[in-house]
């Protein structure tokens, strides 16, 4: 149960700090293009701030749902 609370808390923090994550990502693209080209996380919408943040938040929701699904599958075995 504590693991679920930790994951949900981390997801909420990432949800609210999506703007800061975007700015960090954009600075990495501008200052370190090689690192950015290697990682390439969320490169599709990097020039559109709102689209990037929406996409990032969707990924957070999907990651939390996947985590809870796997946790439930393990607990019912």
PDB file of N, CA and C in Angstrom:
ATOM      1  N   UNK A   1       0.822  -1.193   0.000  1.00  0.00           N
ATOM      2  CA  UNK A   1       0.000   0.000   0.000  1.00  0.00           C
ATOM      3  C   UNK A   1       0.868   1.260   0.000  1.00  0.00           C
ATOM      4  N   UNK A   2       1.958   1.218   0.762  1.00  0.00           N
ATOM      5  CA  UNK A   2       2.842   2.378   0.819  1.00  0.00           C
ATOM      6  C   UNK A   2       3.486   2.637  -0.539  1.00  0.00           C
ATOM      7  N   UNK A   3       3.726   1.577  -1.294  1.00  0.00           N
ATOM      8  CA  UNK A   3       4.314   1.721  -2.619  1.00  0.00           C
ATOM      9  C   UNK A   3       3.366   2.459  -3.559  1.00  0.00           C
ATOM     10  N   UNK A   4       2.089   2.161  -3.463  1.00  0.00           N
ATOM     11  CA  UNK A   4       1.095   2.849  -4.290  1.00  0.00           C
ATOM     12  C   UNK A   4       1.045   4.331  -3.936  1.00  0.00           C
ATOM     13  N   UNK A   5       1.094   4.637  -2.665  1.00  0.00           N
ATOM     14  CA  UNK A   5       1.071   6.037  -2.229  1.00  0.00           C
ATOM     15  C   UNK A   5       2.304   6.780  -2.745  1.00  0.00           C
ATOM     16  N   UNK A   6       3.455   6.142  -2.693  1.00  0.00           N
ATOM     17  CA  UNK A   6       4.687   6.771  -3.176  1.00  0.00           C
ATOM     18  C   UNK A   6       4.603   7.038  -4.676  1.00  0.00           C
ATOM     19  N   UNK A   7       4.125   6.064  -5.433  1.00  0.00           N
ATOM     20  CA  UNK A   7       4.012   6.231  -6.885  1.00  0.00           C
ATOM     21  C   UNK A   7       3.005   7.327  -7.223  1.00  0.00           C
ATOM     22  N   UNK A   8       1.878   7.343  -6.538  1.00  0.00           N
ATOM     23  CA  UNK A   8       0.881   8.382  -6.795  1.00  0.00           C
ATOM     24  C   UNK A   8       1.407   9.766  -6.414  1.00  0.00           C
ATOM     25  N   UNK A   9       2.146   9.857  -5.317  1.00  0.00           N
ATOM     26  CA  UNK A   9       2.719  11.145  -4.916  1.00  0.00           C
ATOM     27  C   UNK A   9       3.737  11.640  -5.942  1.00  0.00           C
ATOM     28  N   UNK A  10       4.560  10.740  -6.434  1.00  0.00           N
ATOM     29  CA  UNK A  10       5.532  11.121  -7.462  1.00  0.00           C
ATOM     30  C   UNK A  10       4.826  11.561  -8.740  1.00  0.00           C
ATOM     31  N   UNK A  11       3.756  10.864  -9.100  1.00  0.00           N
ATOM     32  CA  UNK A  11       3.001  11.229 -10.297  1.00  0.00           C
ATOM     33  C   UNK A  11       2.367  12.608 -10.147  1.00  0.00           C
ATOM     34  N   UNK A  12       1.828  12.894  -8.976  1.00  0.00           N
ATOM     35  CA  UNK A  12       1.220  14.208  -8.745  1.00  0.00           C
ATOM     36  C   UNK A  12       2.277  15.308  -8.822  1.00  0.00           C
ATOM     37  N   UNK A  13       3.441  15.060  -8.235  1.00  0.00           N
ATOM     38  CA  UNK A  13       4.513  16.059  -8.315  1.00  0.00           C
ATOM     39  C   UNK A  13       4.944  16.299  -9.761  1.00  0.00           C
ATOM     40  N   UNK A  14       5.115  15.230 -10.522  1.00  0.00           N
ATOM     41  CA  UNK A  14       5.486  15.392 -11.924  1.00  0.00           C
ATOM     42  C   UNK A  14       4.386  16.096 -12.709  1.00  0.00           C
ATOM     43  N   UNK A  15       3.137  15.830 -12.359  1.00  0.00           N
ATOM     44  CA  UNK A  15       2.007  16.469 -13.031  1.00  0.00           C
ATOM     45  C   UNK A  15       2.078  17.992 -12.849  1.00  0.00           C
ATOM     46  N   UNK A  16       2.299  18.426 -11.610  1.00  0.00           N
ATOM     47  CA  UNK A  16       2.307  19.857 -11.328  1.00  0.00           C
ATOM     48  C   UNK A  16       3.593  20.550 -11.777  1.00  0.00           C
ATOM     49  N   UNK A  17       4.690  19.808 -11.885  1.00  0.00           N
ATOM     50  CA  UNK A  17       5.951  20.398 -12.312  1.00  0.00           C
ATOM     51  C   UNK A  17       6.259  20.090 -13.775  1.00  0.00           C
ATOM     52  N   UNK A  18       5.231  19.862 -14.576  1.00  0.00           N
ATOM     53  CA  UNK A  18       5.417  19.605 -16.000  1.00  0.00           C
ATOM     54  C   UNK A  18       6.089  20.758 -16.721  1.00  0.00           C
ATOM     55  N   UNK A  19       5.779  21.994 -16.299  1.00  0.00           N
ATOM     56  CA  UNK A  19       6.408  23.165 -16.918  1.00  0.00           C
ATOM     57  C   UNK A  19       7.914  23.167 -16.692  1.00  0.00           C
ATOM     58  N   UNK A  20       8.327  22.879 -15.476  1.00  0.00           N
ATOM     59  CA  UNK A  20       9.760  22.864 -15.163  1.00  0.00           C
ATOM     60  C   UNK A  20      10.471  21.732 -15.904  1.00  0.00           C
ATOM     61  N   UNK A  21       9.806  20.598 -16.028  1.00  0.00           N
ATOM     62  CA  UNK A  21      10.397  19.472 -16.762  1.00  0.00           C
ATOM     63  C   UNK A  21      10.553  19.849 -18.233  1.00  0.00           C
ATOM     64  N   UNK A  22       9.543  20.536 -18.779  1.00  0.00           N
ATOM     65  CA  UNK A  22       9.632  20.980 -20.174  1.00  0.00           C
ATOM     66  C   UNK A  22      10.807  21.935 -20.370  1.00  0.00           C
ATOM     67  N   UNK A  23      10.935  22.918 -19.481  1.00  0.00           N
ATOM     68  CA  UNK A  23      12.027  23.893 -19.605  1.00  0.00           C
ATOM     69  C   UNK A  23      13.389  23.204 -19.517  1.00  0.00           C
ATOM     70  N   UNK A  24      13.507  22.250 -18.626  1.00  0.00           N
ATOM     71  CA  UNK A  24      14.754  21.504 -18.501  1.00  0.00           C
ATOM     72  C   UNK A  24      15.053  20.730 -19.781  1.00  0.00           C
ATOM     73  N   UNK A  25      14.029  20.132 -20.343  1.00  0.00           N
ATOM     74  CA  UNK A  25      14.180  19.368 -21.582  1.00  0.00           C
ATOM     75  C   UNK A  25      14.593  20.278 -22.736  1.00  0.00           C
ATOM     76  N   UNK A  26      13.959  21.444 -22.806  1.00  0.00           N
ATOM     77  CA  UNK A  26      14.270  22.393 -23.878  1.00  0.00           C
ATOM     78  C   UNK A  26      15.698  22.925 -23.747  1.00  0.00           C
ATOM     79  N   UNK A  27      16.118  23.222 -22.514  1.00  0.00           N
ATOM     80  CA  UNK A  27      17.499  23.678 -22.289  1.00  0.00           C
ATOM     81  C   UNK A  27      18.505  22.591 -22.673  1.00  0.00           C
ATOM     82  N   UNK A  28      18.164  21.348 -22.382  1.00  0.00           N
ATOM     83  CA  UNK A  28      19.055  20.244 -22.765  1.00  0.00           C
ATOM     84  C   UNK A  28      19.177  20.172 -24.277  1.00  0.00           C
ATOM     85  N   UNK A  29      18.068  20.359 -24.977  1.00  0.00           N
ATOM     86  CA  UNK A  29      18.125  20.340 -26.442  1.00  0.00           C
ATOM     87  C   UNK A  29      19.009  21.461 -26.964  1.00  0.00           C
ATOM     88  N   UNK A  30      18.889  22.649 -26.368  1.00  0.00           N
ATOM     89  CA  UNK A  30      19.663  23.797 -26.844  1.00  0.00           C
ATOM     90  C   UNK A  30      21.135  23.712 -26.451  1.00  0.00           C
ATOM     91  N   UNK A  31      21.422  23.272 -25.241  1.00  0.00           N
ATOM     92  CA  UNK A  31      22.800  23.292 -24.735  1.00  0.00           C
ATOM     93  C   UNK A  31      23.585  22.010 -25.004  1.00  0.00           C
ATOM     94  N   UNK A  32      22.896  20.885 -25.080  1.00  0.00           N
ATOM     95  CA  UNK A  32      23.567  19.593 -25.256  1.00  0.00           C
ATOM     96  C   UNK A  32      22.834  18.768 -26.322  1.00  0.00           C
ATOM     97  N   UNK A  33      22.947  19.154 -27.579  1.00  0.00           N
ATOM     98  CA  UNK A  33      22.187  18.458 -28.627  1.00  0.00           C
ATOM     99  C   UNK A  33      22.544  16.979 -28.767  1.00  0.00           C
ATOM    100  N   UNK A  34      23.787  16.616 -28.478  1.00  0.00           N
ATOM    101  CA  UNK A  34      24.169  15.206 -28.587  1.00  0.00           C
ATOM    102  C   UNK A  34      23.427  14.366 -27.555  1.00  0.00           C
ATOM    103  N   UNK A  35      23.396  14.838 -26.308  1.00  0.00           N
ATOM    104  CA  UNK A  35      22.680  14.113 -25.254  1.00  0.00           C
ATOM    105  C   UNK A  35      21.197  14.037 -25.595  1.00  0.00           C
ATOM    106  N   UNK A  36      20.652  15.138 -26.084  1.00  0.00           N
ATOM    107  CA  UNK A  36      19.235  15.168 -26.429  1.00  0.00           C
ATOM    108  C   UNK A  36      18.931  14.203 -27.571  1.00  0.00           C
ATOM    109  N   UNK A  37      19.810  14.125 -28.556  1.00  0.00           N
ATOM    110  CA  UNK A  37      19.560  13.212 -29.676  1.00  0.00           C
ATOM    111  C   UNK A  37      19.677  11.753 -29.250  1.00  0.00           C
ATOM    112  N   UNK A  38      20.493  11.466 -28.237  1.00  0.00           N
ATOM    113  CA  UNK A  38      20.627  10.090 -27.756  1.00  0.00           C
ATOM    114  C   UNK A  38      19.392   9.676 -26.962  1.00  0.00           C
ATOM    115  N   UNK A  39      18.974  10.535 -26.023  1.00  0.00           N
ATOM    116  CA  UNK A  39      17.817  10.180 -25.195  1.00  0.00           C
ATOM    117  C   UNK A  39      16.532  10.345 -25.983  1.00  0.00           C
ATOM    118  N   UNK A  40      16.329  11.523 -26.562  1.00  0.00           N
ATOM    119  CA  UNK A  40      15.195  11.755 -27.445  1.00  0.00           C
ATOM    120  C   UNK A  40      13.831  11.577 -26.820  1.00  0.00           C
ATOM    121  N   UNK A  41      13.705  11.789 -25.516  1.00  0.00           N
ATOM    122  CA  UNK A  41      12.417  11.603 -24.858  1.00  0.00           C
ATOM    123  C   UNK A  41      11.511  12.774 -25.202  1.00  0.00           C
ATOM    124  N   UNK A  42      10.341  12.487 -25.713  1.00  0.00           N
ATOM    125  CA  UNK A  42       9.334  13.498 -26.055  1.00  0.00           C
ATOM    126  C   UNK A  42       9.857  14.543 -27.033  1.00  0.00           C
ATOM    127  N   UNK A  43      10.556  14.126 -28.059  1.00  0.00           N
ATOM    128  CA  UNK A  43      11.099  15.079 -29.025  1.00  0.00           C
ATOM    129  C   UNK A  43      10.053  15.559 -30.015  1.00  0.00           C
ATOM    130  N   UNK A  44       8.967  14.842 -30.142  1.00  0.00           N
ATOM    131  CA  UNK A  44       7.969  15.179 -31.163  1.00  0.00           C
ATOM    132  C   UNK A  44       7.371  16.563 -30.948  1.00  0.00           C
ATOM    133  N   UNK A  45       7.066  16.923 -29.717  1.00  0.00           N
ATOM    134  CA  UNK A  45       6.377  18.180 -29.434  1.00  0.00           C
ATOM    135  C   UNK A  45       7.267  19.191 -28.722  1.00  0.00           C
ATOM    136  N   UNK A  46       8.581  19.110 -28.873  1.00  0.00           N
ATOM    137  CA  UNK A  46       9.475  19.955 -28.083  1.00  0.00           C
ATOM    138  C   UNK A  46       9.315  21.438 -28.418  1.00  0.00           C
ATOM    139  N   UNK A  47       8.878  21.775 -29.619  1.00  0.00           N
ATOM    140  CA  UNK A  47       8.712  23.182 -29.979  1.00  0.00           C
ATOM    141  C   UNK A  47       7.358  23.743 -29.566  1.00  0.00           C
ATOM    142  N   UNK A  48       6.422  22.887 -29.226  1.00  0.00           N
ATOM    143  CA  UNK A  48       5.094  23.329 -28.788  1.00  0.00           C
ATOM    144  C   UNK A  48       4.936  22.999 -27.311  1.00  0.00           C
ATOM    145  N   UNK A  49       5.049  24.013 -26.471  1.00  0.00           N
ATOM    146  CA  UNK A  49       5.056  23.831 -25.017  1.00  0.00           C
ATOM    147  C   UNK A  49       3.803  23.121 -24.513  1.00  0.00           C
ATOM    148  N   UNK A  50       2.634  23.584 -24.928  1.00  0.00           N
ATOM    149  CA  UNK A  50       1.384  23.010 -24.424  1.00  0.00           C
ATOM    150  C   UNK A  50       1.204  21.559 -24.861  1.00  0.00           C
ATOM    151  N   UNK A  51       1.531  21.269 -26.115  1.00  0.00           N
ATOM    152  CA  UNK A  51       1.410  19.892 -26.598  1.00  0.00           C
ATOM    153  C   UNK A  51       2.391  18.977 -25.873  1.00  0.00           C
ATOM    154  N   UNK A  52       3.602  19.470 -25.627  1.00  0.00           N
ATOM    155  CA  UNK A  52       4.602  18.660 -24.929  1.00  0.00           C
ATOM    156  C   UNK A  52       4.135  18.330 -23.527  1.00  0.00           C
ATOM    157  N   UNK A  53       3.598  19.322 -22.802  1.00  0.00           N
ATOM    158  CA  UNK A  53       3.150  19.101 -21.427  1.00  0.00           C
ATOM    159  C   UNK A  53       1.953  18.154 -21.403  1.00  0.00           C
ATOM    160  N   UNK A  54       1.017  18.304 -22.354  1.00  0.00           N
ATOM    161  CA  UNK A  54      -0.122  17.370 -22.439  1.00  0.00           C
ATOM    162  C   UNK A  54       0.366  15.945 -22.665  1.00  0.00           C
ATOM    163  N   UNK A  55       1.298  15.792 -23.585  1.00  0.00           N
ATOM    164  CA  UNK A  55       1.841  14.464 -23.889  1.00  0.00           C
ATOM    165  C   UNK A  55       2.570  13.887 -22.675  1.00  0.00           C
ATOM    166  N   UNK A  56       3.328  14.710 -21.975  1.00  0.00           N
ATOM    167  CA  UNK A  56       4.051  14.287 -20.773  1.00  0.00           C
ATOM    168  C   UNK A  56       3.072  13.825 -19.696  1.00  0.00           C
ATOM    169  N   UNK A  57       2.004  14.570 -19.499  1.00  0.00           N
ATOM    170  CA  UNK A  57       1.012  14.206 -18.484  1.00  0.00           C
ATOM    171  C   UNK A  57       0.286  12.916 -18.860  1.00  0.00           C
ATOM    172  N   UNK A  58       0.022  12.726 -20.149  1.00  0.00           N
ATOM    173  CA  UNK A  58      -0.573  11.453 -20.586  1.00  0.00           C
ATOM    174  C   UNK A  58       0.353  10.288 -20.268  1.00  0.00           C
ATOM    175  N   UNK A  59       1.639  10.483 -20.470  1.00  0.00           N
ATOM    176  CA  UNK A  59       2.603   9.433 -20.166  1.00  0.00           C
ATOM    177  C   UNK A  59       2.631   9.123 -18.674  1.00  0.00           C
ATOM    178  N   UNK A  60       2.482  10.144 -17.840  1.00  0.00           N
ATOM    179  CA  UNK A  60       2.439   9.919 -16.391  1.00  0.00           C
ATOM    180  C   UNK A  60       1.238   9.059 -16.032  1.00  0.00           C
ATOM    181  N   UNK A  61       0.070   9.396 -16.577  1.00  0.00           N
ATOM    182  CA  UNK A  61      -1.146   8.628 -16.289  1.00  0.00           C
ATOM    183  C   UNK A  61      -0.980   7.186 -16.752  1.00  0.00           C
ATOM    184  N   UNK A  62      -0.450   6.993 -17.948  1.00  0.00           N
ATOM    185  CA  UNK A  62      -0.266   5.633 -18.462  1.00  0.00           C
ATOM    186  C   UNK A  62       0.741   4.843 -17.625  1.00  0.00           C
ATOM    187  N   UNK A  63       1.796   5.490 -17.172  1.00  0.00           N
ATOM    188  CA  UNK A  63       2.787   4.799 -16.339  1.00  0.00           C
ATOM    189  C   UNK A  63       2.183   4.381 -15.004  1.00  0.00           C
ATOM    190  N   UNK A  64       1.373   5.243 -14.404  1.00  0.00           N
ATOM    191  CA  UNK A  64       0.725   4.897 -13.129  1.00  0.00           C
ATOM    192  C   UNK A  64      -0.266   3.759 -13.333  1.00  0.00           C
ATOM    193  N   UNK A  65      -1.046   3.817 -14.407  1.00  0.00           N
ATOM    194  CA  UNK A  65      -1.996   2.729 -14.680  1.00  0.00           C
ATOM    195  C   UNK A  65      -1.272   1.405 -14.918  1.00  0.00           C
ATOM    196  N   UNK A  66      -0.170   1.446 -15.643  1.00  0.00           N
ATOM    197  CA  UNK A  66       0.609   0.229 -15.872  1.00  0.00           C
ATOM    198  C   UNK A  66       1.158  -0.313 -14.558  1.00  0.00           C
ATOM    199  N   UNK A  67       1.670   0.560 -13.709  1.00  0.00           N
ATOM    200  CA  UNK A  67       2.200   0.144 -12.417  1.00  0.00           C
ATOM    201  C   UNK A  67       1.120  -0.526 -11.574  1.00  0.00           C
ATOM    202  N   UNK A  68      -0.045   0.097 -11.485  1.00  0.00           N
ATOM    203  CA  UNK A  68      -1.132  -0.462 -10.672  1.00  0.00           C
ATOM    204  C   UNK A  68      -1.621  -1.783 -11.256  1.00  0.00           C
ATOM    205  N   UNK A  69      -1.694  -1.876 -12.580  1.00  0.00           N
ATOM    206  CA  UNK A  69      -2.121  -3.122 -13.225  1.00  0.00           C
ATOM    207  C   UNK A  69      -1.147  -4.255 -12.922  1.00  0.00           C
ATOM    208  N   UNK A  70       0.137  -3.981 -13.043  1.00  0.00           N
ATOM    209  CA  UNK A  70       1.140  -5.012 -12.753  1.00  0.00           C
ATOM    210  C   UNK A  70       1.103  -5.393 -11.280  1.00  0.00           C
ATOM    211  N   UNK A  71       0.945  -4.411 -10.416  1.00  0.00           N
ATOM    212  CA  UNK A  71       0.873  -4.691  -8.986  1.00  0.00           C
ATOM    213  C   UNK A  71      -0.340  -5.560  -8.651  1.00  0.00           C
ATOM    214  N   UNK A  72      -1.472  -5.273  -9.265  1.00  0.00           N
ATOM    215  CA  UNK A  72      -2.669  -6.092  -9.044  1.00  0.00           C
ATOM    216  C   UNK A  72      -2.496  -7.501  -9.609  1.00  0.00           C
ATOM    217  N   UNK A  73      -1.877  -7.600 -10.780  1.00  0.00           N
ATOM    218  CA  UNK A  73      -1.656  -8.918 -11.376  1.00  0.00           C
ATOM    219  C   UNK A  73      -0.748  -9.769 -10.496  1.00  0.00           C
ATOM    220  N   UNK A  74       0.261  -9.157  -9.924  1.00  0.00           N
ATOM    221  CA  UNK A  74       1.166  -9.893  -9.042  1.00  0.00           C
ATOM    222  C   UNK A  74       0.458 -10.307  -7.756  1.00  0.00           C
ATOM    223  N   UNK A  75      -0.389  -9.435  -7.232  1.00  0.00           N
ATOM    224  CA  UNK A  75      -1.043  -9.740  -5.956  1.00  0.00           C
ATOM    225  C   UNK A  75      -2.095 -10.837  -6.090  1.00  0.00           C
ATOM    226  N   UNK A  76      -2.647 -11.041  -7.290  1.00  0.00           N
ATOM    227  CA  UNK A  76      -3.668 -12.073  -7.472  1.00  0.00           C
ATOM    228  C   UNK A  76      -3.094 -13.415  -7.906  1.00  0.00           C
ATOM    229  N   UNK A  77      -1.800 -13.535  -7.983  1.00  0.00           N
ATOM    230  CA  UNK A  77      -1.205 -14.820  -8.379  1.00  0.00           C
ATOM    231  C   UNK A  77      -1.186 -15.779  -7.227  1.00  0.00           C
TER     232      UNK A  77
END
